[in-house]
C-alpha atoms as a PDB file:
ATOM      1  CA  LEU A   1       7.922  28.449 -15.594  1.00  0.00           C
ATOM      2  CA  LEU A   2       6.370  29.894 -18.736  1.00  0.00           C
ATOM      3  CA  PRO A   3       6.911  27.246 -21.459  1.00  0.00           C
ATOM      4  CA  PRO A   4       5.041  24.454 -19.595  1.00  0.00           C
ATOM      5  CA  ILE A   5       2.101  26.745 -18.832  1.00  0.00           C
ATOM      6  CA  ILE A   6       1.937  27.966 -22.427  1.00  0.00           C
ATOM      7  CA  PHE A   7       2.260  24.368 -23.632  1.00  0.00           C
ATOM      8  CA  VAL A   8      -0.716  23.210 -21.566  1.00  0.00           C
ATOM      9  CA  ILE A   9      -2.940  26.179 -22.473  1.00  0.00           C
ATOM     10  CA  VAL A  10      -2.203  25.956 -26.199  1.00  0.00           C
ATOM     11  CA  ASN A  11      -2.585  22.157 -26.124  1.00  0.00           C
ATOM     12  CA  ALA A  12      -6.051  22.504 -24.602  1.00  0.00           C
ATOM     13  CA  LEU A  13      -7.075  25.105 -27.195  1.00  0.00           C
ATOM     14  CA  PHE A  14      -5.330  24.050 -30.404  1.00  0.00           C
ATOM     15  CA  GLY A  15      -3.836  20.584 -29.919  1.00  0.00           C
ATOM     16  CA  LEU A  16      -0.450  18.995 -29.338  1.00  0.00           C
ATOM     17  CA  ASP A  17       1.393  20.062 -32.493  1.00  0.00           C
ATOM     18  CA  VAL A  18       0.615  23.750 -32.037  1.00  0.00           C
ATOM     19  CA  ALA A  19       1.456  23.489 -28.316  1.00  0.00           C
ATOM     20  CA  VAL A  20       4.904  22.088 -29.133  1.00  0.00           C
ATOM     21  CA  ILE A  21       5.565  24.926 -31.590  1.00  0.00           C
ATOM     22  CA  ALA A  22       4.377  27.505 -29.035  1.00  0.00           C
ATOM     23  CA  ALA A  23       6.551  26.093 -26.234  1.00  0.00           C
ATOM     24  CA  LEU A  24       9.634  25.908 -28.476  1.00  0.00           C
ATOM     25  CA  GLY A  25       9.003  29.389 -29.848  1.00  0.00           C
ATOM     26  CA  LEU A  26       8.702  30.820 -26.355  1.00  0.00           C
ATOM     27  CA  ALA A  27      11.883  29.017 -25.269  1.00  0.00           C
ATOM     28  CA  VAL A  28      13.766  30.549 -28.218  1.00  0.00           C
ATOM     29  CA  LEU A  29      12.441  34.010 -27.342  1.00  0.00           C
ATOM     30  CA  LEU A  30      13.376  33.616 -23.665  1.00  0.00           C
ATOM     31  CA  GLY A  31      16.827  32.319 -24.608  1.00  0.00           C
ATOM     32  CA  GLY A  32      17.373  35.284 -26.917  1.00  0.00           C
ATOM     33  CA  TYR A  33      16.187  37.685 -24.213  1.00  0.00           C
ATOM     34  CA  ARG A  34      18.664  36.197 -21.739  1.00  0.00           C
ATOM     35  CA  LEU A  35      21.503  36.586 -24.228  1.00  0.00           C
ATOM     36  CA  ILE A  36      20.539  40.201 -24.969  1.00  0.00           C
ATOM     37  CA  ARG A  37      20.557  40.930 -21.224  1.00  0.00           C
ATOM     38  CA  GLY A  38      24.077  39.520 -21.029  1.00  0.00           C
ATOM     39  CA  GLN A  39      23.216  36.461 -18.960  1.00  0.00           C
ATOM     40  CA  THR A  40      25.325  33.322 -19.251  1.00  0.00           C
ATOM     41  CA  TRP A  41      24.666  31.559 -22.561  1.00  0.00           C
ATOM     42  CA  GLY A  42      24.619  28.229 -20.688  1.00  0.00           C
ATOM     43  CA  TYR A  43      21.346  29.151 -18.982  1.00  0.00           C
ATOM     44  CA  ALA A  44      19.758  30.165 -22.279  1.00  0.00           C
ATOM     45  CA  LEU A  45      20.934  26.998 -24.024  1.00  0.00           C
ATOM     46  CA  GLY A  46      19.973  24.789 -21.077  1.00  0.00           C
ATOM     47  CA  GLY A  47      16.441  26.163 -21.032  1.00  0.00           C
ATOM     48  CA  LEU A  48      16.076  25.696 -24.779  1.00  0.00           C
ATOM     49  CA  LEU A  49      17.399  22.127 -24.664  1.00  0.00           C
ATOM     50  CA  GLY A  50      15.107  21.273 -21.740  1.00  0.00           C
ATOM     51  CA  VAL A  51      12.024  22.522 -23.558  1.00  0.00           C
ATOM     52  CA  GLY A  52      13.198  20.811 -26.756  1.00  0.00           C
ATOM     53  CA  LEU A  53      13.562  17.470 -24.981  1.00  0.00           C
ATOM     54  CA  ALA A  54      10.183  17.812 -23.254  1.00  0.00           C
ATOM     55  CA  ALA A  55       8.432  18.828 -26.478  1.00  0.00           C
ATOM     56  CA  GLY A  56      10.132  16.007 -28.380  1.00  0.00           C
ATOM     57  CA  LEU A  57       8.896  13.417 -25.891  1.00  0.00           C
ATOM     58  CA  ALA A  58       5.362  14.782 -26.115  1.00  0.00           C
ATOM     59  CA  LEU A  59       5.478  14.558 -29.914  1.00  0.00           C
ATOM     60  CA  LEU A  60       6.993  11.063 -29.971  1.00  0.00           C
ATOM     61  CA  THR A  61       4.401   9.630 -27.606  1.00  0.00           C
ATOM     62  CA  ARG A  62       1.536  11.827 -28.851  1.00  0.00           C
ATOM     63  CA  ASN A  63       0.751  12.430 -25.190  1.00  0.00           C
ATOM     64  CA  ALA A  64       0.887  15.932 -23.713  1.00  0.00           C
ATOM     65  CA  ALA A  65       1.714  14.515 -20.261  1.00  0.00           C
ATOM     66  CA  SER A  66       5.031  13.207 -21.653  1.00  0.00           C
ATOM     67  CA  TYR A  67       6.195  16.842 -21.796  1.00  0.00           C
ATOM     68  CA  PHE A  68       6.789  16.506 -18.047  1.00  0.00           C
ATOM     69  CA  ILE A  69       8.958  13.356 -18.148  1.00  0.00           C
ATOM     70  CA  PRO A  70      12.201  15.420 -17.857  1.00  0.00           C
ATOM     71  CA  ALA A  71      10.800  17.087 -14.727  1.00  0.00           C
ATOM     72  CA  MET A  72      10.093  13.654 -13.214  1.00  0.00           C
ATOM     73  CA  ILE A  73      13.581  12.458 -14.088  1.00  0.00           C
ATOM     74  CA  SER A  74      15.019  15.587 -12.466  1.00  0.00           C
ATOM     75  CA  SER A  75      13.037  14.922  -9.276  1.00  0.00           C
ATOM     76  CA  GLY A  76      14.195  11.295  -9.265  1.00  0.00           C
ATOM     77  CA  VAL A  77      17.840  12.296  -9.678  1.00  0.00           C
ATOM     78  CA  LEU A  78      17.540  14.750  -6.767  1.00  0.00           C
ATOM     79  CA  VAL A  79      15.936  12.096  -4.537  1.00  0.00           C
ATOM     80  CA  LEU A  80      18.714   9.658  -5.400  1.00  0.00           C
ATOM     81  CA  ALA A  81      21.461  12.266  -4.918  1.00  0.00           C
ATOM     82  CA  ALA A  82      20.117  13.295  -1.500  1.00  0.00           C
ATOM     83  CA  ILE A  83      19.748   9.732  -0.206  1.00  0.00           C
ATOM     84  CA  VAL A  84      23.028   8.397  -1.608  1.00  0.00           C
ATOM     85  CA  SER A  85      25.028  11.418  -0.422  1.00  0.00           C
ATOM     86  CA  ASN A  86      23.721  10.930   3.121  1.00  0.00           C
ATOM     87  CA  LEU A  87      24.392   7.196   3.070  1.00  0.00           C
ATOM     88  CA  LEU A  88      27.959   7.953   1.970  1.00  0.00           C
ATOM     89  CA  GLY A  89      28.325  10.472   4.804  1.00  0.00           C
ATOM     90  CA  LYS A  90      28.768  13.415   2.423  1.00  0.00           C
ATOM     91  CA  PRO A  91      25.381  15.187   2.506  1.00  0.00           C
ATOM     92  CA  LEU A  92      24.114  16.999  -0.558  1.00  0.00           C
ATOM     93  CA  ALA A  93      23.327  20.133   1.466  1.00  0.00           C
ATOM     94  CA  ALA A  94      26.990  20.366   2.483  1.00  0.00           C
ATOM     95  CA  TRP A  95      28.125  20.106  -1.140  1.00  0.00           C
ATOM     96  CA  ALA A  96      25.590  22.760  -2.176  1.00  0.00           C
ATOM     97  CA  SER A  97      26.837  25.108   0.546  1.00  0.00           C
ATOM     98  CA  HIS A  98      30.490  24.384  -0.275  1.00  0.00           C
ATOM     99  CA  LEU A  99      29.975  25.116  -3.978  1.00  0.00           C
ATOM    100  CA  THR A 100      28.006  28.332  -3.429  1.00  0.00           C
ATOM    101  CA  ARG A 101      30.033  29.738  -0.536  1.00  0.00           C
ATOM    102  CA  GLY A 102      33.490  28.346  -1.129  1.00  0.00           C
ATOM    103  CA  TRP A 103      34.004  27.297   2.477  1.00  0.00           C
ATOM    104  CA  PRO A 104      36.591  24.541   3.093  1.00  0.00           C
ATOM    105  CA  VAL A 105      34.984  21.169   2.461  1.00  0.00           C
ATOM    106  CA  GLU A 106      36.788  19.695   5.494  1.00  0.00           C
ATOM    107  CA  TRP A 107      34.745  21.949   7.804  1.00  0.00           C
ATOM    108  CA  PHE A 108      31.504  20.344   6.601  1.00  0.00           C
ATOM    109  CA  TRP A 109      32.695  16.842   7.533  1.00  0.00           C
ATOM    110  CA  ARG A 110      33.377  17.640  11.209  1.00  0.00           C
ATOM    111  CA  GLU A 111      31.233  15.603  13.604  1.00  0.00           C
ATOM    112  CA  ASP A 112      30.062  18.829  15.268  1.00  0.00           C
ATOM    113  CA  VAL A 113      29.001  20.329  11.921  1.00  0.00           C
ATOM    114  CA  LYS A 114      27.968  17.521   9.545  1.00  0.00           C
ATOM    115  CA  PRO A 115      24.758  16.432  11.373  1.00  0.00           C
ATOM    116  CA  ALA A 116      23.124  19.777  10.528  1.00  0.00           C
ATOM    117  CA  TYR A 117      23.776  19.243   6.819  1.00  0.00           C
ATOM    118  CA  THR A 118      22.764  15.588   7.005  1.00  0.00           C
ATOM    119  CA  GLU A 119      19.402  16.453   8.564  1.00  0.00           C
ATOM    120  CA  VAL A 120      18.736  19.190   6.004  1.00  0.00           C
ATOM    121  CA  THR A 121      19.580  16.731   3.221  1.00  0.00           C
ATOM    122  CA  TRP A 122      16.988  14.270   4.616  1.00  0.00           C
ATOM    123  CA  MET A 123      14.513  17.158   4.565  1.00  0.00           C
ATOM    124  CA  TRP A 124      15.328  17.724   0.904  1.00  0.00           C
ATOM    125  CA  ALA A 125      14.989  14.000   0.144  1.00  0.00           C
ATOM    126  CA  PHE A 126      11.513  14.016   1.711  1.00  0.00           C
ATOM    127  CA  PHE A 127      10.414  17.051  -0.323  1.00  0.00           C
ATOM    128  CA  PHE A 128      11.815  15.708  -3.606  1.00  0.00           C
ATOM    129  CA  THR A 129      10.179  12.319  -2.962  1.00  0.00           C
ATOM    130  CA  LEU A 130       6.766  13.914  -2.364  1.00  0.00           C
ATOM    131  CA  ARG A 131       7.160  15.918  -5.564  1.00  0.00           C
ATOM    132  CA  LEU A 132       8.168  12.825  -7.545  1.00  0.00           C
ATOM    133  CA  VAL A 133       5.258  10.741  -6.218  1.00  0.00           C
ATOM    134  CA  LEU A 134       2.776  13.486  -7.130  1.00  0.00           C
ATOM    135  CA  GLN A 135       4.311  13.834 -10.594  1.00  0.00           C
ATOM    136  CA  ILE A 136       4.099  10.072 -11.206  1.00  0.00           C
ATOM    137  CA  VAL A 137       0.462   9.872 -10.058  1.00  0.00           C
ATOM    138  CA  LEU A 138      -0.554  12.768 -12.322  1.00  0.00           C
ATOM    139  CA  PHE A 139       1.477  11.344 -15.215  1.00  0.00           C
ATOM    140  CA  GLN A 140      -0.290   7.990 -14.897  1.00  0.00           C
ATOM    141  CA  GLN A 141      -3.572   9.874 -15.134  1.00  0.00           C
ATOM    142  CA  SER A 142      -2.254  11.620 -18.302  1.00  0.00           C
ATOM    143  CA  ASP A 143      -3.290  14.922 -16.758  1.00  0.00           C
ATOM    144  CA  ALA A 144      -1.002  17.467 -18.416  1.00  0.00           C
ATOM    145  CA  THR A 145      -2.843  20.431 -16.894  1.00  0.00           C
ATOM    146  CA  GLN A 146      -2.473  19.203 -13.318  1.00  0.00           C
ATOM    147  CA  LEU A 147       1.156  18.267 -14.031  1.00  0.00           C
ATOM    148  CA  ALA A 148       1.816  21.812 -15.207  1.00  0.00           C
ATOM    149  CA  TRP A 149       0.314  23.270 -12.043  1.00  0.00           C
ATOM    150  CA  ALA A 150       2.126  20.778  -9.810  1.00  0.00           C
ATOM    151  CA  ASN A 151       5.466  21.464 -11.481  1.00  0.00           C
ATOM    152  CA  THR A 152       4.921  25.215 -11.301  1.00  0.00           C
ATOM    153  CA  LEU A 153       3.891  25.295  -7.645  1.00  0.00           C
ATOM    154  CA  LEU A 154       6.395  22.661  -6.517  1.00  0.00           C
ATOM    155  CA  GLY A 155       9.124  24.270  -8.599  1.00  0.00           C
ATOM    156  CA  TRP A 156      10.576  27.610  -7.526  1.00  0.00           C
ATOM    157  CA  PRO A 157       7.789  28.773  -5.147  1.00  0.00           C
ATOM    158  CA  VAL A 158       7.913  25.729  -2.836  1.00  0.00           C
ATOM    159  CA  THR A 159      11.647  25.198  -3.386  1.00  0.00           C
ATOM    160  CA  ILE A 160      12.321  28.717  -2.082  1.00  0.00           C
ATOM    161  CA  VAL A 161      10.254  27.940   1.028  1.00  0.00           C
ATOM    162  CA  VAL A 162      12.173  24.673   1.525  1.00  0.00           C
ATOM    163  CA  LEU A 163      15.499  26.519   1.185  1.00  0.00           C
ATOM    164  CA  VAL A 164      14.458  29.200   3.700  1.00  0.00           C
ATOM    165  CA  VAL A 165      13.341  26.540   6.191  1.00  0.00           C
ATOM    166  CA  SER A 166      16.586  24.649   5.558  1.00  0.00           C
ATOM    167  CA  TYR A 167      18.627  27.781   6.233  1.00  0.00           C
ATOM    168  CA  VAL A 168      16.810  28.660   9.461  1.00  0.00           C
ATOM    169  CA  TYR A 169      16.903  25.078  10.736  1.00  0.00           C
ATOM    170  CA  GLY A 170      20.531  24.652   9.678  1.00  0.00           C
ATOM    171  CA  ILE A 171      21.714  27.736  11.579  1.00  0.00           C
ATOM    172  CA  TRP A 172      19.794  26.648  14.679  1.00  0.00           C
ATOM    173  CA  ARG A 173      21.220  23.125  14.442  1.00  0.00           C
ATOM    174  CA  LEU A 174      24.803  24.335  14.006  1.00  0.00           C
ATOM    175  CA  ARG A 175      24.455  26.356  17.214  1.00  0.00           C
ATOM    176  CA  GLN A 176      23.082  23.270  18.982  1.00  0.00           C
ATOM    177  CA  LEU A 177      26.048  21.182  17.839  1.00  0.00           C
ATOM    178  CA  GLY A 178      28.514  23.685  19.283  1.00  0.00           C
ATOM    179  CA  GLY A 179      31.214  23.289  16.639  1.00  0.00           C
ATOM    180  CA  PRO A 180      33.504  26.034  15.379  1.00  0.00           C
ATOM    181  CA  GLY A 181      32.365  28.604  12.873  1.00  0.00           C
ATOM    182  CA  VAL A 182      33.978  28.377   9.479  1.00  0.00           C
ATOM    183  CA  ASP A 183      36.167  31.414  10.284  1.00  0.00           C
ATOM    184  CA  GLU A 184      37.326  29.796  13.519  1.00  0.00           C
ATOM    185  CA  PHE A 185      38.023  26.551  11.683  1.00  0.00           C
ATOM    186  CA  GLU A 186      40.087  28.321   9.039  1.00  0.00           C
ATOM    187  CA  ALA A 187      42.011  30.207  11.728  1.00  0.00           C
ATOM    188  CA  GLY A 188      42.679  26.972  13.657  1.00  0.00           C
ATOM    189  CA  LYS A 189      41.133  28.324  16.870  1.00  0.00           C
ATOM    190  CA  GLU A 190      40.759  26.070  19.886  1.00  0.00           C
ATOM    191  CA  PRO A 191      37.494  25.791  21.894  1.00  0.00           C
ATOM    192  CA  PRO A 192      35.502  27.394  23.343  1.00  0.00           C
ATOM    193  CA  TRP A 193      34.132  28.568  20.008  1.00  0.00           C
ATOM    194  CA  GLU A 194      31.703  31.325  19.195  1.00  0.00           C
ATOM    195  CA  GLY A 195      30.175  29.054  16.568  1.00  0.00           C
ATOM    196  CA  GLN A 196      29.012  29.651  13.027  1.00  0.00           C
ATOM    197  CA  THR A 197      28.032  33.265  12.346  1.00  0.00           C
ATOM    198  CA  ARG A 198      28.227  33.380   8.553  1.00  0.00           C
ATOM    199  CA  GLY A 199      25.090  31.452   7.657  1.00  0.00           C
ATOM    200  CA  PHE A 200      24.494  27.863   6.662  1.00  0.00           C
END
């Protein structure tokens, strides 16, 4: 969140070159802080590389708005992943849940389970598409300040809201579908099932 905001503020006050140095400097400091705290080095390196790429694009094009091209690409990839995964019958939300919770992937593909994850994935596709459209419109206007605010607000704050709504809707939908809970599936229980009780 911080490097883009610092980039935009410094760009407005001192110009593009100083803004790039400020954003990169802050990314190095944040990366070092993460390493000192014992966090995974991959996160620190990933953040530094992301800021480096964004700053490099801004310098190459001499346009501060180009700093946000990686964010637009990220939104586009998420839109594509959500839509394609649903069209293939393997929704992105199911993969996300499988990877974070370790539940058997076969459970997610049951006809009395998968619709909940498919619908949540369409919800994600809608959100990511709205974010991408807004980013493209602001980019075409070369409005780096508005892009910074849009990326900040539509980043973690709105994403957390989307995830909470997804979780609540997903649990409700699983109960509606009446399939087995993941524990019942793993135990090979026959219906009637209690249903999913361990979240979404």
